[in-house]
N, C-alpha and C. Protein backbone atom coordinates (compact mmCIF):
# COMPACT_ATOMS: atom_id res chain seq x y z
N UNK A 1 -15.18 -79.72 6.87
CA UNK A 1 -14.68 -78.63 6.22
C UNK A 1 -14.39 -78.88 4.87
N UNK A 2 -14.17 -79.92 4.47
CA UNK A 2 -13.59 -80.26 3.12
C UNK A 2 -14.59 -79.88 1.93
N UNK A 3 -15.75 -80.05 2.29
CA UNK A 3 -16.75 -79.81 1.32
C UNK A 3 -16.60 -78.32 0.75
N UNK A 4 -16.17 -77.38 1.80
CA UNK A 4 -16.31 -75.90 1.24
C UNK A 4 -15.08 -75.54 0.48
N UNK A 5 -14.04 -76.49 0.74
CA UNK A 5 -12.73 -76.18 0.07
C UNK A 5 -12.18 -77.08 -0.86
N UNK A 6 -13.14 -78.10 -1.28
CA UNK A 6 -12.60 -79.07 -2.20
C UNK A 6 -12.01 -78.77 -3.36
N UNK A 7 -12.42 -77.51 -4.10
CA UNK A 7 -11.84 -77.05 -5.45
C UNK A 7 -10.58 -76.26 -5.18
N UNK A 8 -10.29 -75.87 -4.15
CA UNK A 8 -9.10 -75.03 -4.01
C UNK A 8 -7.78 -75.88 -3.50
N UNK A 9 -6.79 -75.30 -4.03
CA UNK A 9 -5.42 -76.15 -3.67
C UNK A 9 -4.69 -75.25 -2.90
N UNK A 10 -5.32 -74.76 -1.78
CA UNK A 10 -4.39 -73.81 -0.97
C UNK A 10 -4.34 -74.40 0.35
N UNK A 11 -4.29 -75.57 0.53
CA UNK A 11 -4.20 -76.26 1.92
C UNK A 11 -2.55 -75.95 2.28
N UNK A 12 -2.44 -76.11 3.69
CA UNK A 12 -0.86 -76.10 4.07
C UNK A 12 -0.59 -77.60 4.35
N UNK A 13 0.38 -77.97 3.67
CA UNK A 13 0.65 -79.39 3.91
C UNK A 13 1.79 -79.67 5.11
N UNK A 14 1.21 -80.40 6.15
CA UNK A 14 2.07 -80.57 7.29
C UNK A 14 2.91 -81.79 7.36
N UNK A 15 2.39 -82.95 6.85
CA UNK A 15 2.82 -84.07 6.76
C UNK A 15 2.14 -84.67 5.46
N UNK A 16 2.58 -85.92 5.07
CA UNK A 16 2.18 -86.72 4.00
C UNK A 16 0.60 -86.78 4.00
N UNK A 17 0.04 -87.02 5.46
CA UNK A 17 -1.38 -87.18 5.43
C UNK A 17 -2.14 -86.03 6.17
N UNK A 18 -1.30 -85.21 6.58
CA UNK A 18 -2.20 -83.86 7.24
C UNK A 18 -2.06 -82.77 6.42
N UNK A 19 -3.26 -82.06 6.31
CA UNK A 19 -3.48 -80.84 5.46
C UNK A 19 -4.11 -79.96 6.35
N UNK A 20 -3.78 -78.44 6.47
CA UNK A 20 -4.67 -77.56 7.17
C UNK A 20 -5.55 -76.83 6.03
N UNK A 21 -6.76 -77.03 6.20
CA UNK A 21 -7.61 -76.37 5.09
C UNK A 21 -8.88 -75.82 5.66
N UNK A 22 -8.65 -75.39 7.06
CA UNK A 22 -9.84 -74.83 7.81
C UNK A 22 -9.90 -73.45 7.43
N UNK A 23 -11.08 -73.05 7.26
CA UNK A 23 -11.24 -71.39 6.69
C UNK A 23 -10.98 -70.65 7.98
N UNK A 24 -10.88 -71.19 9.23
CA UNK A 24 -10.60 -70.13 10.42
C UNK A 24 -9.08 -69.68 10.12
N UNK A 25 -8.37 -70.10 9.45
CA UNK A 25 -6.94 -69.98 9.18
C UNK A 25 -6.58 -69.22 8.10
N UNK A 26 -7.77 -68.85 7.17
CA UNK A 26 -7.65 -68.34 5.91
C UNK A 26 -7.96 -66.88 5.72
N UNK A 27 -7.39 -66.17 6.73
CA UNK A 27 -7.56 -64.72 6.67
C UNK A 27 -6.42 -63.78 6.03
N UNK A 28 -5.76 -64.68 5.13
CA UNK A 28 -4.73 -63.67 4.41
C UNK A 28 -5.35 -63.34 3.16
N UNK A 29 -4.90 -62.18 2.58
CA UNK A 29 -5.87 -61.58 1.51
C UNK A 29 -5.51 -62.38 0.08
N UNK A 30 -4.49 -63.26 -0.08
CA UNK A 30 -4.41 -64.00 -1.40
C UNK A 30 -5.50 -65.00 -1.36
N UNK A 31 -5.93 -65.62 -0.51
CA UNK A 31 -6.79 -66.75 -0.46
C UNK A 31 -8.20 -66.16 -0.57
N UNK A 32 -8.46 -65.02 0.20
CA UNK A 32 -9.78 -64.32 0.32
C UNK A 32 -10.07 -63.75 -1.03
N UNK A 33 -8.93 -63.19 -1.66
CA UNK A 33 -9.42 -62.62 -3.04
C UNK A 33 -9.62 -63.59 -4.00
N UNK A 34 -8.88 -64.87 -3.87
CA UNK A 34 -9.19 -66.06 -4.74
C UNK A 34 -10.54 -66.51 -4.67
N UNK A 35 -10.93 -66.51 -3.37
CA UNK A 35 -12.34 -67.00 -2.96
C UNK A 35 -13.45 -66.06 -3.74
N UNK A 36 -13.32 -64.92 -3.55
CA UNK A 36 -14.02 -63.87 -4.12
C UNK A 36 -14.29 -63.86 -5.59
N UNK A 37 -13.10 -64.12 -6.23
CA UNK A 37 -12.96 -64.28 -7.58
C UNK A 37 -13.97 -65.69 -8.20
N UNK A 38 -13.77 -66.74 -7.24
CA UNK A 38 -14.44 -67.96 -7.54
C UNK A 38 -16.14 -67.69 -7.50
N UNK A 39 -16.29 -66.92 -6.43
CA UNK A 39 -17.89 -66.65 -6.26
C UNK A 39 -18.31 -65.86 -7.38
N UNK A 40 -17.45 -64.77 -7.78
CA UNK A 40 -17.91 -63.93 -9.07
C UNK A 40 -18.13 -65.00 -10.18
N UNK A 41 -17.15 -65.86 -10.44
CA UNK A 41 -17.22 -66.66 -11.64
C UNK A 41 -18.55 -67.60 -11.56
N UNK A 42 -18.72 -68.19 -10.26
CA UNK A 42 -20.09 -69.19 -10.11
C UNK A 42 -21.20 -68.32 -10.41
N UNK A 43 -21.31 -67.08 -9.95
CA UNK A 43 -22.44 -66.29 -9.95
C UNK A 43 -22.88 -65.92 -11.29
N UNK A 44 -21.85 -65.45 -12.21
CA UNK A 44 -21.83 -65.22 -13.58
C UNK A 44 -22.23 -66.74 -14.27
N UNK A 45 -21.82 -67.83 -13.87
CA UNK A 45 -22.13 -68.92 -14.53
C UNK A 45 -23.60 -69.16 -14.36
N UNK A 46 -24.13 -69.09 -13.09
CA UNK A 46 -25.38 -69.25 -12.80
C UNK A 46 -26.27 -68.47 -13.52
N UNK A 47 -26.14 -67.26 -13.43
CA UNK A 47 -26.80 -66.28 -14.38
C UNK A 47 -26.95 -66.75 -16.02
N UNK A 48 -25.83 -67.08 -16.51
CA UNK A 48 -26.00 -67.58 -17.81
C UNK A 48 -26.66 -68.82 -17.95
N UNK A 49 -26.43 -69.78 -17.12
CA UNK A 49 -27.25 -70.96 -17.16
C UNK A 49 -28.70 -70.75 -16.98
N UNK A 50 -28.98 -69.55 -16.07
CA UNK A 50 -30.65 -69.48 -16.01
C UNK A 50 -31.16 -68.61 -17.29
N UNK A 51 -30.13 -67.89 -17.83
CA UNK A 51 -30.72 -67.27 -19.16
C UNK A 51 -30.80 -68.25 -20.14
N UNK A 52 -29.87 -69.22 -20.35
CA UNK A 52 -29.81 -70.16 -21.43
C UNK A 52 -30.96 -71.20 -21.20
N UNK A 53 -31.39 -71.58 -20.01
CA UNK A 53 -32.53 -72.39 -19.91
C UNK A 53 -33.82 -71.84 -19.66
N UNK A 54 -34.03 -70.56 -19.94
CA UNK A 54 -35.22 -69.87 -19.68
C UNK A 54 -35.59 -69.39 -18.41
N UNK A 55 -34.74 -69.30 -17.45
CA UNK A 55 -35.18 -68.88 -15.99
C UNK A 55 -35.66 -67.41 -16.17
N UNK A 56 -36.69 -67.15 -15.48
CA UNK A 56 -37.21 -65.62 -15.41
C UNK A 56 -37.03 -65.37 -14.01
N UNK A 57 -37.24 -63.91 -14.09
CA UNK A 57 -37.06 -63.30 -12.52
C UNK A 57 -38.00 -63.96 -11.71
N UNK A 58 -39.35 -64.39 -12.20
CA UNK A 58 -40.39 -64.77 -11.11
C UNK A 58 -39.77 -66.24 -10.65
N UNK A 59 -39.06 -67.13 -11.58
CA UNK A 59 -38.44 -68.37 -10.98
C UNK A 59 -37.54 -68.12 -9.83
N UNK A 60 -36.53 -67.19 -10.26
CA UNK A 60 -35.47 -66.82 -9.26
C UNK A 60 -36.25 -66.29 -7.87
N UNK A 61 -37.18 -65.38 -8.05
CA UNK A 61 -37.74 -64.75 -6.69
C UNK A 61 -38.59 -66.04 -6.30
N UNK A 62 -39.15 -66.92 -6.79
CA UNK A 62 -39.78 -68.29 -6.15
C UNK A 62 -38.87 -68.93 -5.46
N UNK A 63 -37.65 -69.12 -5.92
CA UNK A 63 -36.59 -70.13 -5.47
C UNK A 63 -36.00 -69.22 -4.10
N UNK A 64 -35.90 -67.91 -4.17
CA UNK A 64 -35.17 -67.25 -3.23
C UNK A 64 -36.15 -67.27 -1.87
N UNK A 65 -37.52 -67.11 -2.33
CA UNK A 65 -38.43 -67.15 -1.32
C UNK A 65 -38.73 -68.41 -0.61
N UNK A 66 -38.38 -69.62 -1.40
CA UNK A 66 -38.56 -70.93 -0.64
C UNK A 66 -37.17 -71.02 0.23
N UNK A 67 -35.95 -70.56 -0.19
CA UNK A 67 -34.86 -70.70 0.35
C UNK A 67 -35.14 -69.71 1.88
N UNK A 68 -35.73 -68.64 1.76
CA UNK A 68 -35.96 -67.75 2.73
C UNK A 68 -36.74 -68.33 3.72
N UNK A 69 -37.96 -68.88 3.44
CA UNK A 69 -38.95 -69.70 4.32
C UNK A 69 -38.05 -70.78 5.10
N UNK A 70 -37.32 -71.61 4.30
CA UNK A 70 -36.80 -72.84 5.03
C UNK A 70 -35.94 -72.22 6.08
N UNK A 71 -34.98 -71.02 5.81
CA UNK A 71 -34.01 -70.58 6.67
C UNK A 71 -34.64 -69.90 7.89
N UNK A 72 -36.00 -69.18 7.71
CA UNK A 72 -36.64 -68.69 8.84
C UNK A 72 -37.20 -69.82 9.70
N UNK A 73 -37.56 -71.07 9.20
CA UNK A 73 -37.86 -72.12 9.96
C UNK A 73 -36.81 -72.69 10.76
N UNK A 74 -35.70 -72.90 10.34
CA UNK A 74 -34.38 -73.33 11.02
C UNK A 74 -34.12 -72.29 11.89
N UNK A 75 -34.11 -70.92 11.53
CA UNK A 75 -33.80 -70.06 12.47
C UNK A 75 -34.34 -69.98 13.88
N UNK A 76 -35.64 -70.48 13.81
CA UNK A 76 -36.34 -70.47 15.17
C UNK A 76 -35.92 -71.80 15.99
N UNK A 77 -35.59 -72.83 15.30
CA UNK A 77 -34.78 -73.93 15.86
C UNK A 77 -33.58 -73.56 16.27
N UNK A 78 -32.72 -72.99 15.67
CA UNK A 78 -31.30 -72.60 16.00
C UNK A 78 -31.34 -71.64 17.23
N UNK A 79 -32.32 -70.71 17.26
CA UNK A 79 -32.33 -69.71 18.27
C UNK A 79 -33.17 -70.33 19.51
N UNK A 80 -33.78 -71.50 19.53
CA UNK A 80 -34.51 -71.97 20.68
C UNK A 80 -33.84 -72.31 21.95
N UNK A 81 -34.07 -71.69 22.90
CA UNK A 81 -33.38 -71.87 24.35
C UNK A 81 -33.65 -73.34 24.92
N UNK A 82 -34.86 -73.73 24.45
CA UNK A 82 -35.08 -75.23 24.87
C UNK A 82 -34.07 -76.19 24.34
N UNK A 83 -33.77 -76.07 23.05
CA UNK A 83 -33.10 -76.96 22.39
C UNK A 83 -31.43 -76.78 22.94
N UNK A 84 -31.10 -75.31 23.43
CA UNK A 84 -29.81 -75.20 23.85
C UNK A 84 -29.88 -75.92 25.35
N UNK A 85 -30.94 -75.79 25.90
CA UNK A 85 -30.97 -76.31 27.39
C UNK A 85 -30.68 -77.86 27.33
N UNK A 86 -31.50 -78.46 26.46
CA UNK A 86 -31.43 -79.68 26.06
C UNK A 86 -29.84 -80.45 25.83
N UNK A 87 -29.25 -79.63 25.01
CA UNK A 87 -27.94 -79.87 24.55
C UNK A 87 -26.90 -79.97 25.94
N UNK A 88 -27.00 -78.84 26.55
CA UNK A 88 -26.34 -78.61 27.67
C UNK A 88 -26.38 -79.59 28.80
N UNK A 89 -27.52 -80.30 28.81
CA UNK A 89 -27.69 -81.19 30.04
C UNK A 89 -27.16 -82.55 29.69
């Protein structure tokens, strides 16, 4: 989970070596609003970079299409009952 929270300094320090940074426990409004603000900032940054480097709507649609196709391929694997049965055995 460290990869999803590495930029944020909202961990709960238990001891010198242990920190709680799991998002399962991050249901309080302060952290969620901070996360939403970061998402908005990154979205604005990506849009600005796209405009600055000549990204067009066609490029964005192509990237979204590729991501959607990859997701749909993985979705079939994730939903496979055969895989579930093999994991449970």
